[in-house]
Amino acid sequence: MPRKLAFLFFIAIILAFCAQTFATTLTFNDNAIFWPEWGNDDGDDDYDDDDYSQTLGVPIFLGGTLELDANKLTSLTFNYTSEKCDDWVSNTWSMLRPGDLFLDLEGDGNWDLVVDLDNDVTAGQTATIYDFSSPIALGDPSAYIIADDIWPIPNDSIREGHPVILDPNAKDGAVALGNVYFDGWDSYAKKKKKDYQSTFYFDEYNGIIQMPGGGLDLGGYSSIILGWTVNCANNVIYEEVDLSSSPSSAVPEPSTFFLLGLGLLALLGIARRKRALVFNRFNK
């Protein structure tokens, strides 16, 4: 009986190991002041020159994480905070809206994919991710709507002239790859400094499949550049994440482990049979 229990336990371990997903977490920081080619040489009365100040008020981006399953991007999280807690921050925060998410898969200064958000809301939403056969040039002024055109207070102290969202006309010819769920822009905790985060889900959210195949396939790419900001562009994300540092591409597929498990079970069965034959021989 103990041997049978041990055998069943061994099988359970192998099956559980084979059923694992091979997730990898990659982190990135926020080092950019503005997107390349989008400095504006503008100085505000209340803040230093836009080209030298990483943050103009709120929000303050802290970086974030990418979650990958093998070569599939399953989620992308941005972390942010505020430097102080007062009525000015609270009022400004209430006007913040998320911009579109831009992705450069080639690292060549062109956006290959764009997650097109409803930029008028802060709540969670399902958005479409578009693939551009002719990538959007990073410095093309006709491809974007800039902060000046969507921030609700004219002539306010923001990062003027910086891209925030994709111009709807620039989507001509783009192909919808699937959906991405954005869980929303966090509301401000008045009088209490805290950290916030917003996540884009590429695989599934609450059991609803977003992109076919379990996420955004990044197989064959060595890095990905992320571009994101809010409607005032007071702080922007432009970060390259090294995908070659992910061990996921070197991890065997679950089917490999399944075959390995079957092989081990076969060897165990052979060993048990040999022991039984020897036992029977000496007991005849």
C-alpha atoms as a PDB file:
ATOM      1  CA  MET A   1       0.000   0.000   0.000  1.00  0.00           C
ATOM      2  CA  PRO A   2       2.735   2.559   0.860  1.00  0.00           C
ATOM      3  CA  ARG A   3       4.441   1.827  -2.456  1.00  0.00           C
ATOM      4  CA  LYS A   4       1.180   2.411  -4.328  1.00  0.00           C
ATOM      5  CA  LEU A   5       0.649   5.722  -2.526  1.00  0.00           C
ATOM      6  CA  ALA A   6       4.198   6.793  -3.314  1.00  0.00           C
ATOM      7  CA  PHE A   7       3.681   5.882  -6.960  1.00  0.00           C
ATOM      8  CA  LEU A   8       0.453   7.916  -7.158  1.00  0.00           C
ATOM      9  CA  PHE A   9       2.149  10.841  -5.397  1.00  0.00           C
ATOM     10  CA  PHE A  10       4.974  10.715  -7.943  1.00  0.00           C
ATOM     11  CA  ILE A  11       2.458  10.810 -10.795  1.00  0.00           C
ATOM     12  CA  ALA A  12       0.647  13.775  -9.217  1.00  0.00           C
ATOM     13  CA  ILE A  13       3.900  15.730  -8.922  1.00  0.00           C
ATOM     14  CA  ILE A  14       4.779  15.145 -12.572  1.00  0.00           C
ATOM     15  CA  LEU A  15       1.316  16.120 -13.801  1.00  0.00           C
ATOM     16  CA  ALA A  16       1.291  19.258 -11.662  1.00  0.00           C
ATOM     17  CA  PHE A  17       4.732  20.215 -12.944  1.00  0.00           C
ATOM     18  CA  CYS A  18       3.643  19.675 -16.527  1.00  0.00           C
ATOM     19  CA  ALA A  19       0.585  21.850 -16.014  1.00  0.00           C
ATOM     20  CA  GLN A  20       2.611  24.861 -14.905  1.00  0.00           C
ATOM     21  CA  THR A  21       2.722  28.029 -16.982  1.00  0.00           C
ATOM     22  CA  PHE A  22       6.157  29.533 -17.397  1.00  0.00           C
ATOM     23  CA  ALA A  23       5.667  33.167 -16.446  1.00  0.00           C
ATOM     24  CA  THR A  24       8.421  35.752 -16.432  1.00  0.00           C
ATOM     25  CA  THR A  25       8.331  39.257 -14.959  1.00  0.00           C
ATOM     26  CA  LEU A  26      10.424  42.011 -16.547  1.00  0.00           C
ATOM     27  CA  THR A  27      10.702  45.460 -14.972  1.00  0.00           C
ATOM     28  CA  PHE A  28      11.304  48.902 -16.447  1.00  0.00           C
ATOM     29  CA  ASN A  29      11.929  52.375 -15.038  1.00  0.00           C
ATOM     30  CA  ASP A  30      10.896  55.867 -16.064  1.00  0.00           C
ATOM     31  CA  ASN A  31      13.988  57.677 -17.307  1.00  0.00           C
ATOM     32  CA  ALA A  32      12.622  59.704 -20.225  1.00  0.00           C
ATOM     33  CA  ILE A  33      11.824  63.420 -20.026  1.00  0.00           C
ATOM     34  CA  PHE A  34      10.069  63.409 -23.399  1.00  0.00           C
ATOM     35  CA  TRP A  35       9.792  61.111 -26.395  1.00  0.00           C
ATOM     36  CA  PRO A  36      12.700  61.408 -28.839  1.00  0.00           C
ATOM     37  CA  GLU A  37      12.116  64.207 -31.357  1.00  0.00           C
ATOM     38  CA  TRP A  38       9.462  65.783 -29.112  1.00  0.00           C
ATOM     39  CA  GLY A  39      11.392  68.279 -27.015  1.00  0.00           C
ATOM     40  CA  ASN A  40       9.812  71.726 -27.230  1.00  0.00           C
ATOM     41  CA  ASP A  41      12.278  74.227 -25.681  1.00  0.00           C
ATOM     42  CA  ASP A  42       9.383  75.629 -23.692  1.00  0.00           C
ATOM     43  CA  GLY A  43       9.675  77.156 -20.236  1.00  0.00           C
ATOM     44  CA  ASP A  44       6.679  77.649 -17.968  1.00  0.00           C
ATOM     45  CA  ASP A  45       6.207  80.306 -15.325  1.00  0.00           C
ATOM     46  CA  ASP A  46       5.628  77.762 -12.581  1.00  0.00           C
ATOM     47  CA  TYR A  47       8.050  75.025 -13.628  1.00  0.00           C
ATOM     48  CA  ASP A  48      11.460  74.572 -15.127  1.00  0.00           C
ATOM     49  CA  ASP A  49      11.970  74.109 -18.845  1.00  0.00           C
ATOM     50  CA  ASP A  50       9.915  71.188 -20.182  1.00  0.00           C
ATOM     51  CA  ASP A  51      13.036  69.703 -21.745  1.00  0.00           C
ATOM     52  CA  TYR A  52      14.834  69.373 -18.408  1.00  0.00           C
ATOM     53  CA  SER A  53      12.082  68.507 -15.915  1.00  0.00           C
ATOM     54  CA  GLN A  54      11.054  64.877 -15.926  1.00  0.00           C
ATOM     55  CA  THR A  55       7.836  65.624 -14.040  1.00  0.00           C
ATOM     56  CA  LEU A  56       5.705  68.754 -14.185  1.00  0.00           C
ATOM     57  CA  GLY A  57       3.359  68.287 -11.243  1.00  0.00           C
ATOM     58  CA  VAL A  58       1.393  65.048 -11.389  1.00  0.00           C
ATOM     59  CA  PRO A  59       1.418  62.171 -12.055  1.00  0.00           C
ATOM     60  CA  ILE A  60       4.879  60.808 -11.268  1.00  0.00           C
ATOM     61  CA  PHE A  61       5.542  57.597 -13.187  1.00  0.00           C
ATOM     62  CA  LEU A  62       7.692  55.046 -11.363  1.00  0.00           C
ATOM     63  CA  GLY A  63       8.114  52.465 -14.124  1.00  0.00           C
ATOM     64  CA  GLY A  64       6.349  49.135 -14.175  1.00  0.00           C
ATOM     65  CA  THR A  65       6.386  45.472 -15.158  1.00  0.00           C
ATOM     66  CA  LEU A  66       5.722  43.185 -18.105  1.00  0.00           C
ATOM     67  CA  GLU A  67       4.391  39.673 -17.567  1.00  0.00           C
ATOM     68  CA  LEU A  68       5.286  37.106 -20.206  1.00  0.00           C
ATOM     69  CA  ASP A  69       4.198  33.502 -20.608  1.00  0.00           C
ATOM     70  CA  ALA A  70       6.818  31.925 -22.842  1.00  0.00           C
ATOM     71  CA  ASN A  71       6.972  34.521 -25.657  1.00  0.00           C
ATOM     72  CA  LYS A  72       3.487  35.965 -25.088  1.00  0.00           C
ATOM     73  CA  LEU A  73       2.977  39.336 -23.395  1.00  0.00           C
ATOM     74  CA  THR A  74       0.075  38.742 -21.011  1.00  0.00           C
ATOM     75  CA  SER A  75      -0.008  42.009 -19.049  1.00  0.00           C
ATOM     76  CA  LEU A  76       1.705  45.380 -18.786  1.00  0.00           C
ATOM     77  CA  THR A  77       1.511  47.412 -15.560  1.00  0.00           C
ATOM     78  CA  PHE A  78       2.444  51.060 -14.992  1.00  0.00           C
ATOM     79  CA  ASN A  79       3.141  52.332 -11.479  1.00  0.00           C
ATOM     80  CA  TYR A  80       2.708  55.996 -10.511  1.00  0.00           C
ATOM     81  CA  THR A  81       2.280  58.306  -7.526  1.00  0.00           C
ATOM     82  CA  SER A  82       2.059  61.962  -6.490  1.00  0.00           C
ATOM     83  CA  GLU A  83       4.738  63.950  -4.663  1.00  0.00           C
ATOM     84  CA  LYS A  84       2.364  65.664  -2.260  1.00  0.00           C
ATOM     85  CA  CYS A  85      -1.211  65.616  -1.042  1.00  0.00           C
ATOM     86  CA  ASP A  86      -3.190  68.830  -1.276  1.00  0.00           C
ATOM     87  CA  ASP A  87      -6.220  70.333  -2.980  1.00  0.00           C
ATOM     88  CA  TRP A  88      -4.228  71.379  -6.053  1.00  0.00           C
ATOM     89  CA  VAL A  89      -3.086  67.786  -6.615  1.00  0.00           C
ATOM     90  CA  SER A  90      -6.595  66.496  -6.032  1.00  0.00           C
ATOM     91  CA  ASN A  91      -8.121  68.936  -8.518  1.00  0.00           C
ATOM     92  CA  THR A  92      -5.454  68.261 -11.144  1.00  0.00           C
ATOM     93  CA  TRP A  93      -5.684  64.503 -10.664  1.00  0.00           C
ATOM     94  CA  SER A  94      -9.433  64.599 -11.294  1.00  0.00           C
ATOM     95  CA  MET A  95      -8.726  65.912 -14.811  1.00  0.00           C
ATOM     96  CA  LEU A  96      -6.139  63.278 -15.748  1.00  0.00           C
ATOM     97  CA  ARG A  97      -7.063  60.861 -18.522  1.00  0.00           C
ATOM     98  CA  PRO A  98      -4.958  58.014 -19.950  1.00  0.00           C
ATOM     99  CA  GLY A  99      -3.373  58.324 -23.378  1.00  0.00           C
ATOM    100  CA  ASP A 100      -3.067  55.554 -25.947  1.00  0.00           C
ATOM    101  CA  LEU A 101      -0.430  52.856 -25.494  1.00  0.00           C
ATOM    102  CA  PHE A 102       2.251  52.806 -28.224  1.00  0.00           C
ATOM    103  CA  LEU A 103       4.512  49.797 -28.841  1.00  0.00           C
ATOM    104  CA  ASP A 104       7.662  49.629 -30.962  1.00  0.00           C
ATOM    105  CA  LEU A 105       8.639  45.999 -31.585  1.00  0.00           C
ATOM    106  CA  GLU A 106      11.589  46.671 -33.850  1.00  0.00           C
ATOM    107  CA  GLY A 107      13.366  49.351 -31.821  1.00  0.00           C
ATOM    108  CA  ASP A 108      13.622  51.458 -34.961  1.00  0.00           C
ATOM    109  CA  GLY A 109      11.768  54.599 -33.887  1.00  0.00           C
ATOM    110  CA  ASN A 110       8.426  53.557 -35.387  1.00  0.00           C
ATOM    111  CA  TRP A 111       5.284  52.455 -33.580  1.00  0.00           C
ATOM    112  CA  ASP A 112       4.148  49.037 -34.783  1.00  0.00           C
ATOM    113  CA  LEU A 113       1.144  48.613 -32.475  1.00  0.00           C
ATOM    114  CA  VAL A 114      -1.244  50.990 -30.719  1.00  0.00           C
ATOM    115  CA  VAL A 115      -3.820  50.227 -28.030  1.00  0.00           C
ATOM    116  CA  ASP A 116      -6.612  52.686 -28.803  1.00  0.00           C
ATOM    117  CA  LEU A 117      -8.256  53.743 -25.512  1.00  0.00           C
ATOM    118  CA  ASP A 118     -11.380  55.782 -24.922  1.00  0.00           C
ATOM    119  CA  ASN A 119      -9.442  58.760 -23.612  1.00  0.00           C
ATOM    120  CA  ASP A 120     -12.452  60.498 -22.073  1.00  0.00           C
ATOM    121  CA  VAL A 121     -12.896  58.004 -19.246  1.00  0.00           C
ATOM    122  CA  THR A 122     -10.828  56.720 -16.340  1.00  0.00           C
ATOM    123  CA  ALA A 123     -12.810  53.533 -15.705  1.00  0.00           C
ATOM    124  CA  GLY A 124     -11.828  50.080 -16.896  1.00  0.00           C
ATOM    125  CA  GLN A 125     -12.475  49.428 -20.566  1.00  0.00           C
ATOM    126  CA  THR A 126     -11.917  47.016 -23.422  1.00  0.00           C
ATOM    127  CA  ALA A 127      -9.771  48.600 -26.128  1.00  0.00           C
ATOM    128  CA  THR A 128      -8.700  47.533 -29.609  1.00  0.00           C
ATOM    129  CA  ILE A 129      -5.038  46.916 -30.413  1.00  0.00           C
ATOM    130  CA  TYR A 130      -4.075  47.905 -33.968  1.00  0.00           C
ATOM    131  CA  ASP A 131      -1.237  46.611 -36.106  1.00  0.00           C
ATOM    132  CA  PHE A 132       0.233  49.007 -38.685  1.00  0.00           C
ATOM    133  CA  SER A 133       1.706  47.455 -41.804  1.00  0.00           C
ATOM    134  CA  SER A 134       3.333  50.842 -42.378  1.00  0.00           C
ATOM    135  CA  PRO A 135       4.517  51.711 -38.869  1.00  0.00           C
ATOM    136  CA  ILE A 136       3.861  55.176 -37.466  1.00  0.00           C
ATOM    137  CA  ALA A 137       6.975  57.326 -37.448  1.00  0.00           C
ATOM    138  CA  LEU A 138       7.791  58.509 -33.946  1.00  0.00           C
ATOM    139  CA  GLY A 139       8.364  62.078 -35.086  1.00  0.00           C
ATOM    140  CA  ASP A 140       5.397  62.386 -37.468  1.00  0.00           C
ATOM    141  CA  PRO A 141       3.347  65.360 -36.183  1.00  0.00           C
ATOM    142  CA  SER A 142       0.293  64.380 -38.245  1.00  0.00           C
ATOM    143  CA  ALA A 143      -0.033  61.027 -36.454  1.00  0.00           C
ATOM    144  CA  TYR A 144      -0.899  62.324 -33.003  1.00  0.00           C
ATOM    145  CA  ILE A 145      -3.158  64.547 -30.965  1.00  0.00           C
ATOM    146  CA  ILE A 146      -0.999  66.545 -28.578  1.00  0.00           C
ATOM    147  CA  ALA A 147      -1.524  67.569 -24.969  1.00  0.00           C
ATOM    148  CA  ASP A 148      -2.456  71.169 -25.833  1.00  0.00           C
ATOM    149  CA  ASP A 149      -5.496  69.948 -27.763  1.00  0.00           C
ATOM    150  CA  ILE A 150      -7.000  67.735 -25.061  1.00  0.00           C
ATOM    151  CA  TRP A 151      -6.005  69.212 -21.680  1.00  0.00           C
ATOM    152  CA  PRO A 152      -9.151  70.976 -20.406  1.00  0.00           C
ATOM    153  CA  ILE A 153      -7.464  74.170 -19.161  1.00  0.00           C
ATOM    154  CA  PRO A 154      -6.079  76.428 -21.931  1.00  0.00           C
ATOM    155  CA  ASN A 155      -2.566  77.837 -21.434  1.00  0.00           C
ATOM    156  CA  ASP A 156      -2.031  75.710 -18.338  1.00  0.00           C
ATOM    157  CA  SER A 157       1.429  74.606 -17.176  1.00  0.00           C
ATOM    158  CA  ILE A 158       1.711  71.281 -18.999  1.00  0.00           C
ATOM    159  CA  ARG A 159       4.217  69.681 -21.379  1.00  0.00           C
ATOM    160  CA  GLU A 160       3.049  71.492 -24.486  1.00  0.00           C
ATOM    161  CA  GLY A 161       3.243  69.918 -27.912  1.00  0.00           C
ATOM    162  CA  HIS A 162       3.797  66.356 -26.732  1.00  0.00           C
ATOM    163  CA  PRO A 163       1.905  63.390 -28.270  1.00  0.00           C
ATOM    164  CA  VAL A 164      -0.760  61.776 -26.102  1.00  0.00           C
ATOM    165  CA  ILE A 165      -3.087  59.810 -28.377  1.00  0.00           C
ATOM    166  CA  LEU A 166      -3.205  58.546 -31.935  1.00  0.00           C
ATOM    167  CA  ASP A 167      -4.960  60.783 -34.432  1.00  0.00           C
ATOM    168  CA  PRO A 168      -8.022  58.843 -35.680  1.00  0.00           C
ATOM    169  CA  ASN A 169      -7.017  59.561 -39.287  1.00  0.00           C
ATOM    170  CA  ALA A 170      -3.746  57.716 -38.709  1.00  0.00           C
ATOM    171  CA  LYS A 171      -5.622  54.437 -38.245  1.00  0.00           C
ATOM    172  CA  ASP A 172      -6.408  54.160 -41.964  1.00  0.00           C
ATOM    173  CA  GLY A 173      -5.159  50.785 -43.159  1.00  0.00           C
ATOM    174  CA  ALA A 174      -4.466  49.465 -39.666  1.00  0.00           C
ATOM    175  CA  VAL A 175      -5.538  45.931 -38.780  1.00  0.00           C
ATOM    176  CA  ALA A 176      -7.270  45.094 -35.492  1.00  0.00           C
ATOM    177  CA  LEU A 177      -5.371  42.245 -33.817  1.00  0.00           C
ATOM    178  CA  GLY A 178      -7.798  41.777 -30.943  1.00  0.00           C
ATOM    179  CA  ASN A 179      -8.753  43.355 -27.659  1.00  0.00           C
ATOM    180  CA  VAL A 180      -6.788  44.534 -24.644  1.00  0.00           C
ATOM    181  CA  TYR A 181      -8.427  45.209 -21.292  1.00  0.00           C
ATOM    182  CA  PHE A 182      -7.307  48.361 -19.465  1.00  0.00           C
ATOM    183  CA  ASP A 183      -8.296  48.280 -15.801  1.00  0.00           C
ATOM    184  CA  GLY A 184      -8.565  52.054 -15.498  1.00  0.00           C
ATOM    185  CA  TRP A 185      -6.771  55.093 -14.130  1.00  0.00           C
ATOM    186  CA  ASP A 186      -6.711  55.056 -10.327  1.00  0.00           C
ATOM    187  CA  SER A 187      -8.699  57.751  -8.545  1.00  0.00           C
ATOM    188  CA  TYR A 188      -6.812  60.049  -6.197  1.00  0.00           C
ATOM    189  CA  ALA A 189      -6.733  59.247  -2.478  1.00  0.00           C
ATOM    190  CA  LYS A 190      -7.269  62.766  -1.143  1.00  0.00           C
ATOM    191  CA  LYS A 191      -4.950  63.884   1.655  1.00  0.00           C
ATOM    192  CA  LYS A 192      -3.133  60.571   1.532  1.00  0.00           C
ATOM    193  CA  LYS A 193      -0.019  59.879  -0.482  1.00  0.00           C
ATOM    194  CA  LYS A 194      -0.093  56.409  -2.013  1.00  0.00           C
ATOM    195  CA  ASP A 195       1.138  54.437  -4.966  1.00  0.00           C
ATOM    196  CA  TYR A 196      -1.170  53.673  -7.869  1.00  0.00           C
ATOM    197  CA  GLN A 197      -1.084  51.341 -10.853  1.00  0.00           C
ATOM    198  CA  SER A 198      -2.849  50.710 -14.138  1.00  0.00           C
ATOM    199  CA  THR A 199      -2.640  47.440 -16.066  1.00  0.00           C
ATOM    200  CA  PHE A 200      -3.215  46.420 -19.676  1.00  0.00           C
ATOM    201  CA  TYR A 201      -4.276  42.761 -19.945  1.00  0.00           C
ATOM    202  CA  PHE A 202      -3.423  41.105 -23.254  1.00  0.00           C
ATOM    203  CA  ASP A 203      -4.422  37.498 -22.508  1.00  0.00           C
ATOM    204  CA  GLU A 204      -7.650  37.533 -20.496  1.00  0.00           C
ATOM    205  CA  TYR A 205      -9.496  39.505 -17.861  1.00  0.00           C
ATOM    206  CA  ASN A 206     -12.075  38.001 -15.518  1.00  0.00           C
ATOM    207  CA  GLY A 207     -12.191  34.912 -17.701  1.00  0.00           C
ATOM    208  CA  ILE A 208     -12.832  36.849 -20.924  1.00  0.00           C
ATOM    209  CA  ILE A 209     -10.263  36.183 -23.649  1.00  0.00           C
ATOM    210  CA  GLN A 210      -8.731  39.373 -25.050  1.00  0.00           C
ATOM    211  CA  MET A 211      -6.178  38.463 -27.725  1.00  0.00           C
ATOM    212  CA  PRO A 212      -6.412  35.109 -29.541  1.00  0.00           C
ATOM    213  CA  GLY A 213      -3.586  32.770 -28.612  1.00  0.00           C
ATOM    214  CA  GLY A 214      -3.147  33.885 -25.005  1.00  0.00           C
ATOM    215  CA  GLY A 215      -1.465  37.271 -25.397  1.00  0.00           C
ATOM    216  CA  LEU A 216       0.670  39.385 -27.694  1.00  0.00           C
ATOM    217  CA  ASP A 217       3.259  37.225 -29.440  1.00  0.00           C
ATOM    218  CA  LEU A 218       6.742  38.730 -29.010  1.00  0.00           C
ATOM    219  CA  GLY A 219       8.615  35.736 -30.391  1.00  0.00           C
ATOM    220  CA  GLY A 220      11.542  36.799 -32.550  1.00  0.00           C
ATOM    221  CA  TYR A 221      11.894  40.269 -30.999  1.00  0.00           C
ATOM    222  CA  SER A 222      14.860  41.158 -28.806  1.00  0.00           C
ATOM    223  CA  SER A 223      13.277  44.224 -27.203  1.00  0.00           C
ATOM    224  CA  ILE A 224      10.119  46.307 -27.012  1.00  0.00           C
ATOM    225  CA  ILE A 225       9.786  50.077 -26.578  1.00  0.00           C
ATOM    226  CA  LEU A 226       6.829  51.352 -24.551  1.00  0.00           C
ATOM    227  CA  GLY A 227       5.267  54.781 -25.067  1.00  0.00           C
ATOM    228  CA  TRP A 228       2.562  56.104 -22.745  1.00  0.00           C
ATOM    229  CA  THR A 229       1.465  59.268 -20.997  1.00  0.00           C
ATOM    230  CA  VAL A 230      -1.636  61.116 -19.800  1.00  0.00           C
ATOM    231  CA  ASN A 231      -3.537  64.028 -21.325  1.00  0.00           C
ATOM    232  CA  CYS A 232      -1.254  66.696 -19.829  1.00  0.00           C
ATOM    233  CA  ALA A 233       1.976  64.809 -20.706  1.00  0.00           C
ATOM    234  CA  ASN A 234       3.430  66.080 -17.415  1.00  0.00           C
ATOM    235  CA  ASN A 235       5.321  62.812 -17.139  1.00  0.00           C
ATOM    236  CA  VAL A 236       5.864  60.427 -20.054  1.00  0.00           C
ATOM    237  CA  ILE A 237       6.983  56.839 -20.482  1.00  0.00           C
ATOM    238  CA  TYR A 238       9.435  55.986 -23.246  1.00  0.00           C
ATOM    239  CA  GLU A 239      11.333  52.885 -22.173  1.00  0.00           C
ATOM    240  CA  GLU A 240      13.002  50.011 -23.979  1.00  0.00           C
ATOM    241  CA  VAL A 241      12.680  46.613 -22.309  1.00  0.00           C
ATOM    242  CA  ASP A 242      15.240  43.938 -23.129  1.00  0.00           C
ATOM    243  CA  LEU A 243      13.353  40.754 -23.932  1.00  0.00           C
ATOM    244  CA  SER A 244      16.529  38.700 -24.295  1.00  0.00           C
ATOM    245  CA  SER A 245      16.920  38.862 -20.510  1.00  0.00           C
ATOM    246  CA  SER A 246      13.760  36.779 -20.215  1.00  0.00           C
ATOM    247  CA  PRO A 247      14.536  33.088 -19.689  1.00  0.00           C
ATOM    248  CA  SER A 248      11.154  32.195 -21.155  1.00  0.00           C
ATOM    249  CA  SER A 249      12.522  31.524 -24.620  1.00  0.00           C
ATOM    250  CA  ALA A 250      14.930  28.985 -23.170  1.00  0.00           C
ATOM    251  CA  VAL A 251      12.313  27.209 -21.029  1.00  0.00           C
ATOM    252  CA  PRO A 252      11.009  23.952 -22.478  1.00  0.00           C
ATOM    253  CA  GLU A 253       7.386  23.910 -23.528  1.00  0.00           C
ATOM    254  CA  PRO A 254       4.894  22.063 -21.301  1.00  0.00           C
ATOM    255  CA  SER A 255       4.670  19.318 -23.945  1.00  0.00           C
ATOM    256  CA  THR A 256       8.394  18.668 -23.457  1.00  0.00           C
ATOM    257  CA  PHE A 257       7.880  18.180 -19.739  1.00  0.00           C
ATOM    258  CA  PHE A 258       4.888  15.960 -20.483  1.00  0.00           C
ATOM    259  CA  LEU A 259       7.020  13.690 -22.633  1.00  0.00           C
ATOM    260  CA  LEU A 260       9.726  13.712 -19.972  1.00  0.00           C
ATOM    261  CA  GLY A 261       7.133  12.734 -17.397  1.00  0.00           C
ATOM    262  CA  LEU A 262       5.898   9.865 -19.561  1.00  0.00           C
ATOM    263  CA  GLY A 263       9.480   8.684 -19.967  1.00  0.00           C
ATOM    264  CA  LEU A 264      10.064   8.719 -16.220  1.00  0.00           C
ATOM    265  CA  LEU A 265       6.832   6.833 -15.635  1.00  0.00           C
ATOM    266  CA  ALA A 266       7.896   4.232 -18.211  1.00  0.00           C
ATOM    267  CA  LEU A 267      11.272   3.805 -16.514  1.00  0.00           C
ATOM    268  CA  LEU A 268       9.570   3.482 -13.151  1.00  0.00           C
ATOM    269  CA  GLY A 269       7.224   0.846 -14.549  1.00  0.00           C
ATOM    270  CA  ILE A 270      10.135  -1.116 -16.037  1.00  0.00           C
ATOM    271  CA  ALA A 271      12.007  -0.987 -12.745  1.00  0.00           C
ATOM    272  CA  ARG A 272       8.955  -2.214 -10.824  1.00  0.00           C
ATOM    273  CA  ARG A 273       8.449  -5.062 -13.302  1.00  0.00           C
ATOM    274  CA  LYS A 274      12.093  -6.152 -12.996  1.00  0.00           C
ATOM    275  CA  ARG A 275      11.844  -6.171  -9.225  1.00  0.00           C
ATOM    276  CA  ALA A 276       8.675  -8.262  -9.462  1.00  0.00           C
ATOM    277  CA  LEU A 277      10.379 -10.781 -11.790  1.00  0.00           C
ATOM    278  CA  VAL A 278      13.362 -11.108  -9.457  1.00  0.00           C
ATOM    279  CA  PHE A 279      11.076 -11.507  -6.467  1.00  0.00           C
ATOM    280  CA  ASN A 280       9.030 -14.219  -8.202  1.00  0.00           C
ATOM    281  CA  ARG A 281      12.192 -16.050  -9.313  1.00  0.00           C
ATOM    282  CA  PHE A 282      13.549 -16.328  -5.771  1.00  0.00           C
ATOM    283  CA  ASN A 283      10.206 -17.353  -4.334  1.00  0.00           C
ATOM    284  CA  LYS A 284       9.454 -20.241  -6.630  1.00  0.00           C
END
